[in-house]
């Protein structure tokens, strides 16, 4: 694990905290290109009433606009939680080089937990995966969010 991976994951965690503050599942994502952040996103599905408003999709849209291209070759995504099927598919479609994630997603993860869409050999593009960066912080914010949600329901 490189220092830059930790730095960028902490930036993604700041975005996850923004989602937490608006009662969204706290997931944050950033995309880098040439060691510059070019895309940011955090979960806003409930706020926007949009099932596509995942952190990764927002970061991809911002990065594509920045580069002026749908191809995000040379880019790395840092995301606090392993991508779901939709986001993993979008990452592959965008031709991203690498995904660095914090916590595994045992209920929907498609970077190795349930499926590995990111590295499926049948596709024309595979993505390098690094997992477990800032694992404790990424897991902790999710556990706190869901514990708070359970308390509100009681």
C-alpha atoms as a PDB file:
ATOM      1  CA  UNK A   1       0.000   0.000   0.000  1.00  0.00           C
ATOM      2  CA  UNK A   2       1.390   3.340  -1.025  1.00  0.00           C
ATOM      3  CA  UNK A   3       1.116   6.605   0.881  1.00  0.00           C
ATOM      4  CA  UNK A   4      -0.779   8.089  -2.073  1.00  0.00           C
ATOM      5  CA  UNK A   5      -3.390   5.325  -1.824  1.00  0.00           C
ATOM      6  CA  UNK A   6      -3.971   6.242   1.813  1.00  0.00           C
ATOM      7  CA  UNK A   7      -4.109   9.960   1.006  1.00  0.00           C
ATOM      8  CA  UNK A   8      -6.687   9.505  -1.752  1.00  0.00           C
ATOM      9  CA  UNK A   9      -8.774   7.065   0.285  1.00  0.00           C
ATOM     10  CA  UNK A  10      -8.929   9.642   3.073  1.00  0.00           C
ATOM     11  CA  UNK A  11     -10.259  12.106   0.472  1.00  0.00           C
ATOM     12  CA  UNK A  12     -12.939   9.540  -0.436  1.00  0.00           C
ATOM     13  CA  UNK A  13     -13.728   9.147   3.279  1.00  0.00           C
ATOM     14  CA  UNK A  14     -14.381  12.904   3.512  1.00  0.00           C
ATOM     15  CA  UNK A  15     -17.018  12.437   0.809  1.00  0.00           C
ATOM     16  CA  UNK A  16     -18.461   9.410   2.618  1.00  0.00           C
ATOM     17  CA  UNK A  17     -18.837  11.659   5.667  1.00  0.00           C
ATOM     18  CA  UNK A  18     -20.848  14.128   3.526  1.00  0.00           C
ATOM     19  CA  UNK A  19     -23.228  11.301   2.631  1.00  0.00           C
ATOM     20  CA  UNK A  20     -23.434  10.300   6.308  1.00  0.00           C
ATOM     21  CA  UNK A  21     -24.396  13.858   7.275  1.00  0.00           C
ATOM     22  CA  UNK A  22     -27.389  13.800   4.905  1.00  0.00           C
ATOM     23  CA  UNK A  23     -28.552  10.326   6.054  1.00  0.00           C
ATOM     24  CA  UNK A  24     -27.251   8.526   2.975  1.00  0.00           C
ATOM     25  CA  UNK A  25     -25.270   5.289   3.100  1.00  0.00           C
ATOM     26  CA  UNK A  26     -21.760   6.721   3.625  1.00  0.00           C
ATOM     27  CA  UNK A  27     -19.857   5.845   0.476  1.00  0.00           C
ATOM     28  CA  UNK A  28     -17.393   8.215  -1.166  1.00  0.00           C
ATOM     29  CA  UNK A  29     -15.397   7.945  -4.374  1.00  0.00           C
ATOM     30  CA  UNK A  30     -12.731   9.927  -6.146  1.00  0.00           C
ATOM     31  CA  UNK A  31     -10.965   9.446  -9.458  1.00  0.00           C
ATOM     32  CA  UNK A  32      -7.390  10.459 -10.078  1.00  0.00           C
ATOM     33  CA  UNK A  33      -5.466  11.063 -13.283  1.00  0.00           C
ATOM     34  CA  UNK A  34      -1.760  11.946 -13.236  1.00  0.00           C
ATOM     35  CA  UNK A  35      -1.966  12.297  -9.431  1.00  0.00           C
ATOM     36  CA  UNK A  36      -4.741  14.891  -9.682  1.00  0.00           C
ATOM     37  CA  UNK A  37      -8.302  14.426  -8.438  1.00  0.00           C
ATOM     38  CA  UNK A  38     -10.590  14.831 -11.458  1.00  0.00           C
ATOM     39  CA  UNK A  39     -13.817  13.290 -10.180  1.00  0.00           C
ATOM     40  CA  UNK A  40     -15.646  13.159  -6.868  1.00  0.00           C
ATOM     41  CA  UNK A  41     -18.883  11.601  -5.732  1.00  0.00           C
ATOM     42  CA  UNK A  42     -20.796  10.434  -2.711  1.00  0.00           C
ATOM     43  CA  UNK A  43     -23.941   8.395  -2.337  1.00  0.00           C
ATOM     44  CA  UNK A  44     -27.117  10.436  -2.910  1.00  0.00           C
ATOM     45  CA  UNK A  45     -29.719   7.857  -3.953  1.00  0.00           C
ATOM     46  CA  UNK A  46     -32.342   8.963  -1.412  1.00  0.00           C
ATOM     47  CA  UNK A  47     -31.607  12.667  -1.751  1.00  0.00           C
ATOM     48  CA  UNK A  48     -31.882  12.623  -5.549  1.00  0.00           C
ATOM     49  CA  UNK A  49     -34.520   9.866  -5.645  1.00  0.00           C
ATOM     50  CA  UNK A  50     -32.327   8.209  -8.251  1.00  0.00           C
ATOM     51  CA  UNK A  51     -31.047   4.618  -8.138  1.00  0.00           C
ATOM     52  CA  UNK A  52     -28.059   5.677 -10.265  1.00  0.00           C
ATOM     53  CA  UNK A  53     -26.819   8.302  -7.775  1.00  0.00           C
ATOM     54  CA  UNK A  54     -24.012   6.117  -6.446  1.00  0.00           C
ATOM     55  CA  UNK A  55     -20.692   7.710  -5.462  1.00  0.00           C
ATOM     56  CA  UNK A  56     -18.835   5.893  -8.257  1.00  0.00           C
ATOM     57  CA  UNK A  57     -21.249   6.966 -11.007  1.00  0.00           C
ATOM     58  CA  UNK A  58     -21.049  10.608  -9.929  1.00  0.00           C
ATOM     59  CA  UNK A  59     -17.247  10.478  -9.854  1.00  0.00           C
ATOM     60  CA  UNK A  60     -17.176   8.860 -13.321  1.00  0.00           C
ATOM     61  CA  UNK A  61     -19.446  11.556 -14.763  1.00  0.00           C
ATOM     62  CA  UNK A  62     -17.261  14.329 -13.315  1.00  0.00           C
ATOM     63  CA  UNK A  63     -14.011  12.704 -14.491  1.00  0.00           C
ATOM     64  CA  UNK A  64     -15.374  12.119 -18.007  1.00  0.00           C
ATOM     65  CA  UNK A  65     -16.462  15.765 -18.197  1.00  0.00           C
ATOM     66  CA  UNK A  66     -13.024  16.881 -16.999  1.00  0.00           C
ATOM     67  CA  UNK A  67     -11.206  14.762 -19.601  1.00  0.00           C
ATOM     68  CA  UNK A  68     -13.773  15.394 -22.315  1.00  0.00           C
ATOM     69  CA  UNK A  69     -13.931  11.663 -23.061  1.00  0.00           C
ATOM     70  CA  UNK A  70     -15.859   8.618 -21.893  1.00  0.00           C
ATOM     71  CA  UNK A  71     -12.629   6.655 -21.752  1.00  0.00           C
ATOM     72  CA  UNK A  72     -10.977   6.995 -18.369  1.00  0.00           C
ATOM     73  CA  UNK A  73      -7.772   5.204 -19.315  1.00  0.00           C
ATOM     74  CA  UNK A  74      -4.929   6.103 -16.985  1.00  0.00           C
ATOM     75  CA  UNK A  75      -7.389   6.767 -14.153  1.00  0.00           C
ATOM     76  CA  UNK A  76      -7.694   5.217 -10.712  1.00  0.00           C
ATOM     77  CA  UNK A  77     -10.860   5.176  -8.624  1.00  0.00           C
ATOM     78  CA  UNK A  78     -10.666   5.230  -4.832  1.00  0.00           C
ATOM     79  CA  UNK A  79     -13.928   4.145  -3.232  1.00  0.00           C
ATOM     80  CA  UNK A  80     -14.702   3.410   0.393  1.00  0.00           C
ATOM     81  CA  UNK A  81     -16.803   0.302  -0.373  1.00  0.00           C
ATOM     82  CA  UNK A  82     -16.301  -2.395  -3.011  1.00  0.00           C
ATOM     83  CA  UNK A  83     -18.369  -1.468  -6.087  1.00  0.00           C
ATOM     84  CA  UNK A  84     -21.784  -2.991  -6.763  1.00  0.00           C
ATOM     85  CA  UNK A  85     -22.634  -4.647 -10.117  1.00  0.00           C
ATOM     86  CA  UNK A  86     -23.794  -1.389 -11.709  1.00  0.00           C
ATOM     87  CA  UNK A  87     -20.731   0.569 -10.651  1.00  0.00           C
ATOM     88  CA  UNK A  88     -18.296  -2.236 -11.466  1.00  0.00           C
ATOM     89  CA  UNK A  89     -19.837  -2.430 -14.944  1.00  0.00           C
ATOM     90  CA  UNK A  90     -19.518   1.327 -15.406  1.00  0.00           C
ATOM     91  CA  UNK A  91     -15.863   1.194 -14.314  1.00  0.00           C
ATOM     92  CA  UNK A  92     -15.135  -1.522 -16.879  1.00  0.00           C
ATOM     93  CA  UNK A  93     -17.048   0.363 -19.581  1.00  0.00           C
ATOM     94  CA  UNK A  94     -15.041   3.515 -18.809  1.00  0.00           C
ATOM     95  CA  UNK A  95     -11.800   1.530 -19.291  1.00  0.00           C
ATOM     96  CA  UNK A  96     -10.447   2.639 -15.928  1.00  0.00           C
ATOM     97  CA  UNK A  97      -7.011   1.219 -15.040  1.00  0.00           C
ATOM     98  CA  UNK A  98      -7.405   0.563 -11.330  1.00  0.00           C
ATOM     99  CA  UNK A  99      -9.867   0.510  -8.444  1.00  0.00           C
ATOM    100  CA  UNK A 100      -8.723   0.877  -4.846  1.00  0.00           C
ATOM    101  CA  UNK A 101     -11.410   0.124  -2.286  1.00  0.00           C
ATOM    102  CA  UNK A 102     -11.542   0.115   1.473  1.00  0.00           C
ATOM    103  CA  UNK A 103     -14.146  -2.369   2.712  1.00  0.00           C
ATOM    104  CA  UNK A 104     -15.535  -5.456   1.028  1.00  0.00           C
ATOM    105  CA  UNK A 105     -19.249  -5.518   0.237  1.00  0.00           C
ATOM    106  CA  UNK A 106     -20.486  -9.039   1.098  1.00  0.00           C
ATOM    107  CA  UNK A 107     -24.048  -8.308  -0.068  1.00  0.00           C
ATOM    108  CA  UNK A 108     -23.358  -6.683  -3.451  1.00  0.00           C
ATOM    109  CA  UNK A 109     -19.603  -6.522  -4.096  1.00  0.00           C
ATOM    110  CA  UNK A 110     -18.428  -7.114  -7.642  1.00  0.00           C
ATOM    111  CA  UNK A 111     -14.703  -6.690  -7.102  1.00  0.00           C
ATOM    112  CA  UNK A 112     -14.371 -10.208  -5.748  1.00  0.00           C
ATOM    113  CA  UNK A 113     -16.893 -10.658  -2.910  1.00  0.00           C
ATOM    114  CA  UNK A 114     -19.849 -12.038  -4.906  1.00  0.00           C
ATOM    115  CA  UNK A 115     -18.640 -11.641  -8.472  1.00  0.00           C
ATOM    116  CA  UNK A 116     -15.548 -10.092  -9.978  1.00  0.00           C
ATOM    117  CA  UNK A 117     -16.923  -8.009 -12.827  1.00  0.00           C
ATOM    118  CA  UNK A 118     -13.838  -5.796 -12.648  1.00  0.00           C
ATOM    119  CA  UNK A 119     -11.568  -8.647 -13.727  1.00  0.00           C
ATOM    120  CA  UNK A 120     -13.905 -10.829 -15.794  1.00  0.00           C
ATOM    121  CA  UNK A 121     -11.733 -12.335 -18.533  1.00  0.00           C
ATOM    122  CA  UNK A 122     -14.668 -12.546 -20.991  1.00  0.00           C
ATOM    123  CA  UNK A 123     -14.839  -8.741 -21.131  1.00  0.00           C
ATOM    124  CA  UNK A 124     -12.546  -6.738 -23.359  1.00  0.00           C
ATOM    125  CA  UNK A 125     -11.132  -4.792 -20.384  1.00  0.00           C
ATOM    126  CA  UNK A 126     -10.020  -5.798 -16.887  1.00  0.00           C
ATOM    127  CA  UNK A 127      -9.304  -3.502 -13.971  1.00  0.00           C
ATOM    128  CA  UNK A 128      -6.514  -3.845 -11.418  1.00  0.00           C
ATOM    129  CA  UNK A 129      -7.874  -4.106  -7.865  1.00  0.00           C
ATOM    130  CA  UNK A 130      -6.282  -3.088  -4.575  1.00  0.00           C
ATOM    131  CA  UNK A 131      -8.425  -3.684  -1.521  1.00  0.00           C
ATOM    132  CA  UNK A 132      -8.282  -2.972   2.185  1.00  0.00           C
ATOM    133  CA  UNK A 133      -6.863   0.566   2.042  1.00  0.00           C
ATOM    134  CA  UNK A 134      -8.007   2.375   5.212  1.00  0.00           C
ATOM    135  CA  UNK A 135     -10.161  -0.681   5.907  1.00  0.00           C
ATOM    136  CA  UNK A 136     -10.909   0.195   9.530  1.00  0.00           C
ATOM    137  CA  UNK A 137     -12.093   3.739   8.749  1.00  0.00           C
ATOM    138  CA  UNK A 138     -14.141   2.615   5.744  1.00  0.00           C
ATOM    139  CA  UNK A 139     -15.818  -0.179   7.737  1.00  0.00           C
ATOM    140  CA  UNK A 140     -16.355   1.955  10.814  1.00  0.00           C
ATOM    141  CA  UNK A 141     -18.349   4.706   9.109  1.00  0.00           C
ATOM    142  CA  UNK A 142     -20.653   2.102   7.538  1.00  0.00           C
ATOM    143  CA  UNK A 143     -21.129   0.203  10.808  1.00  0.00           C
ATOM    144  CA  UNK A 144     -21.914   3.447  12.644  1.00  0.00           C
ATOM    145  CA  UNK A 145     -24.420   4.501   9.981  1.00  0.00           C
ATOM    146  CA  UNK A 146     -26.311   1.202  10.060  1.00  0.00           C
ATOM    147  CA  UNK A 147     -26.253   1.034  13.880  1.00  0.00           C
ATOM    148  CA  UNK A 148     -27.752   4.553  13.991  1.00  0.00           C
ATOM    149  CA  UNK A 149     -30.378   3.561  11.441  1.00  0.00           C
ATOM    150  CA  UNK A 150     -31.411   0.544  13.548  1.00  0.00           C
ATOM    151  CA  UNK A 151     -31.698   2.772  16.640  1.00  0.00           C
ATOM    152  CA  UNK A 152     -33.975   5.200  14.777  1.00  0.00           C
ATOM    153  CA  UNK A 153     -36.306   2.319  13.845  1.00  0.00           C
ATOM    154  CA  UNK A 154     -36.708   1.145  17.463  1.00  0.00           C
END
